[in-house]
Amino acid sequence: MLTGEFNHSIDSKGRLIIPSKLRESLGEHFVITKGMDGCLFLYPDNEWKAFEEKLRTLPLTNKKARDFKRFFLGSATEGELDKQGRVLISSSLRAYADLEKEVVLAGVLDKVEIWSKEAWEARTADVEENIEDIASDMEDLGLSI
């Protein structure tokens, strides 16, 4: 299970250390792609394959479905760790998520989100301010705490 929040830096070559706790769950091969809300998604290989299967079921005749597939598949790159536990993040993905130096990796069960530290702090502040309304909406989706 991928959980937890980790603060790291991207080096000048675009390499990011993946925390050892996350490395165990990610495995040797994974996929990095654009994510929602301006972050990147990092999927373990098995979760990426499950996501791909869901994408395959989307109808070709639906424009939003085509755009959805393009968004995730068009930017997807295979990730591989070097001997120091780092992964190279492409310049286009770094630009999309505005990753310059300080980043936050957040495990969210089936994937890891990679955020710029500034965007993460703004997002979590907004969530914390609105958590009661969010929890109420989750109850409408069948999740209660």
Protein backbone atom coordinates (compact mmCIF):
# COMPACT_ATOMS: atom_id res chain seq x y z
CA MET A 1 0.00 0.00 0.00
CA LEU A 2 1.33 3.42 -0.96
CA THR A 3 0.79 5.92 1.85
CA GLY A 4 2.64 8.75 3.53
CA GLU A 5 4.04 12.18 2.72
CA PHE A 6 7.71 12.68 1.85
CA ASN A 7 9.66 15.87 1.13
CA HIS A 8 12.53 15.67 -1.36
CA SER A 9 14.39 17.72 -3.94
CA ILE A 10 14.85 17.29 -7.66
CA ASP A 11 18.46 17.71 -8.72
CA SER A 12 19.64 19.82 -11.65
CA LYS A 13 19.39 16.81 -13.99
CA GLY A 14 15.73 16.16 -13.12
CA ARG A 15 16.36 13.17 -10.85
CA LEU A 16 14.19 12.57 -7.80
CA ILE A 17 14.94 10.21 -4.92
CA ILE A 18 12.05 7.83 -4.27
CA PRO A 19 11.79 7.15 -0.52
CA SER A 20 12.65 3.57 0.42
CA LYS A 21 9.19 3.00 1.94
CA LEU A 22 7.60 3.80 -1.42
CA ARG A 23 10.23 1.90 -3.43
CA GLU A 24 9.19 -1.35 -1.77
CA SER A 25 5.60 -0.99 -2.97
CA LEU A 26 6.44 0.48 -6.38
CA GLY A 27 8.79 -2.26 -7.44
CA GLU A 28 11.45 -1.96 -10.11
CA HIS A 29 9.21 -0.79 -12.94
CA PHE A 30 6.56 1.90 -12.81
CA VAL A 31 4.93 4.58 -14.94
CA ILE A 32 4.98 8.35 -14.46
CA THR A 33 2.32 10.48 -16.15
CA LYS A 34 0.44 13.72 -15.83
CA GLY A 35 -1.96 13.67 -12.93
CA MET A 36 -4.99 15.60 -11.84
CA ASP A 37 -4.81 18.97 -10.07
CA GLY A 38 -1.38 19.80 -11.50
CA CYS A 39 0.62 16.94 -9.99
CA LEU A 40 2.21 13.84 -11.49
CA PHE A 41 0.97 10.29 -10.94
CA LEU A 42 3.48 7.50 -10.38
CA TYR A 43 1.86 4.07 -10.81
CA PRO A 44 3.31 0.69 -9.86
CA ASP A 45 3.34 -1.55 -12.94
CA ASN A 46 0.36 -3.67 -11.81
CA GLU A 47 -1.78 -0.60 -11.04
CA TRP A 48 -0.86 1.00 -14.37
CA LYS A 49 -1.92 -2.14 -16.23
CA ALA A 50 -5.26 -2.12 -14.39
CA PHE A 51 -5.72 1.57 -15.29
CA GLU A 52 -4.86 0.84 -18.94
CA GLU A 53 -7.52 -1.87 -19.02
CA LYS A 54 -10.11 0.62 -17.78
CA LEU A 55 -9.00 3.09 -20.44
CA ARG A 56 -9.43 0.41 -23.12
CA THR A 57 -13.13 0.19 -22.27
CA LEU A 58 -13.76 3.85 -23.07
CA PRO A 59 -15.62 4.36 -26.36
CA LEU A 60 -13.59 5.71 -29.26
CA THR A 61 -16.63 7.68 -30.41
CA ASN A 62 -16.71 9.81 -27.23
CA LYS A 63 -14.55 12.95 -27.53
CA LYS A 64 -14.06 13.34 -23.75
CA ALA A 65 -12.98 9.70 -23.55
CA ARG A 66 -10.41 10.26 -26.32
CA ASP A 67 -9.13 13.39 -24.59
CA PHE A 68 -8.96 11.56 -21.26
CA LYS A 69 -6.86 8.77 -22.78
CA ARG A 70 -4.57 11.25 -24.55
CA PHE A 71 -4.00 13.17 -21.33
CA PHE A 72 -2.76 10.14 -19.40
CA LEU A 73 -1.25 7.94 -22.11
CA GLY A 74 0.35 10.68 -24.19
CA SER A 75 2.54 11.83 -21.32
CA ALA A 76 3.25 8.42 -19.76
CA THR A 77 6.88 7.37 -19.40
CA GLU A 78 8.39 4.27 -17.91
CA GLY A 79 10.27 4.93 -14.70
CA GLU A 80 13.31 3.07 -13.54
CA LEU A 81 15.36 3.57 -10.41
CA ASP A 82 19.09 4.06 -10.56
CA LYS A 83 21.43 2.58 -7.96
CA GLN A 84 20.82 5.52 -5.62
CA GLY A 85 17.01 5.05 -5.74
CA ARG A 86 16.45 8.02 -8.04
CA VAL A 87 14.17 8.32 -11.05
CA LEU A 88 14.61 10.74 -13.93
CA ILE A 89 11.51 12.87 -14.52
CA SER A 90 11.27 14.24 -18.05
CA SER A 91 11.44 17.97 -18.60
CA SER A 92 7.90 18.01 -20.02
CA LEU A 93 6.48 16.32 -16.93
CA ARG A 94 8.48 18.61 -14.65
CA ALA A 95 7.11 21.62 -16.53
CA TYR A 96 3.51 20.34 -16.31
CA ALA A 97 3.69 19.95 -12.51
CA ASP A 98 5.91 23.02 -12.05
CA LEU A 99 8.59 20.91 -10.36
CA GLU A 100 11.72 22.96 -9.88
CA LYS A 101 13.49 22.02 -6.65
CA GLU A 102 11.42 21.13 -3.59
CA VAL A 103 8.77 18.44 -4.11
CA VAL A 104 6.37 16.36 -2.07
CA LEU A 105 5.62 12.72 -2.78
CA ALA A 106 2.28 11.57 -1.39
CA GLY A 107 1.20 7.93 -1.36
CA VAL A 108 -2.52 7.65 -2.13
CA LEU A 109 -3.12 3.86 -1.98
CA ASP A 110 -2.73 2.78 -5.62
CA LYS A 111 -0.25 5.42 -6.79
CA VAL A 112 2.12 8.17 -5.67
CA GLU A 113 1.40 11.81 -6.42
CA ILE A 114 4.36 14.11 -7.04
CA TRP A 115 3.70 17.78 -6.27
CA SER A 116 5.70 20.97 -6.19
CA LYS A 117 6.03 21.81 -2.50
CA GLU A 118 4.23 25.12 -3.01
CA ALA A 119 1.27 23.53 -4.81
CA TRP A 120 1.06 20.74 -2.19
CA GLU A 121 0.97 23.21 0.67
CA ALA A 122 -1.75 25.28 -1.02
CA ARG A 123 -3.79 22.18 -1.83
CA THR A 124 -3.56 20.67 1.64
CA ALA A 125 -4.43 24.03 3.26
CA ASP A 126 -7.56 24.19 1.11
CA VAL A 127 -8.50 20.60 1.97
CA GLU A 128 -7.93 21.16 5.68
CA GLU A 129 -10.13 24.26 5.58
CA ASN A 130 -12.93 22.39 3.82
CA ILE A 131 -12.62 18.87 5.24
CA GLU A 132 -16.09 18.84 6.81
CA ASP A 133 -17.76 19.64 3.48
CA ILE A 134 -15.53 17.12 1.73
CA ALA A 135 -16.44 14.45 4.30
CA SER A 136 -20.12 15.18 3.75
CA ASP A 137 -19.69 14.74 0.00
CA MET A 138 -17.89 11.44 0.62
CA GLU A 139 -20.89 10.23 2.60
CA ASP A 140 -23.00 10.95 -0.50
CA LEU A 141 -20.61 8.61 -2.38
CA GLY A 142 -21.11 5.90 0.24
CA LEU A 143 -18.01 6.48 2.38
CA SER A 144 -18.48 7.34 6.01
CA ILE A 145 -15.89 7.62 8.76
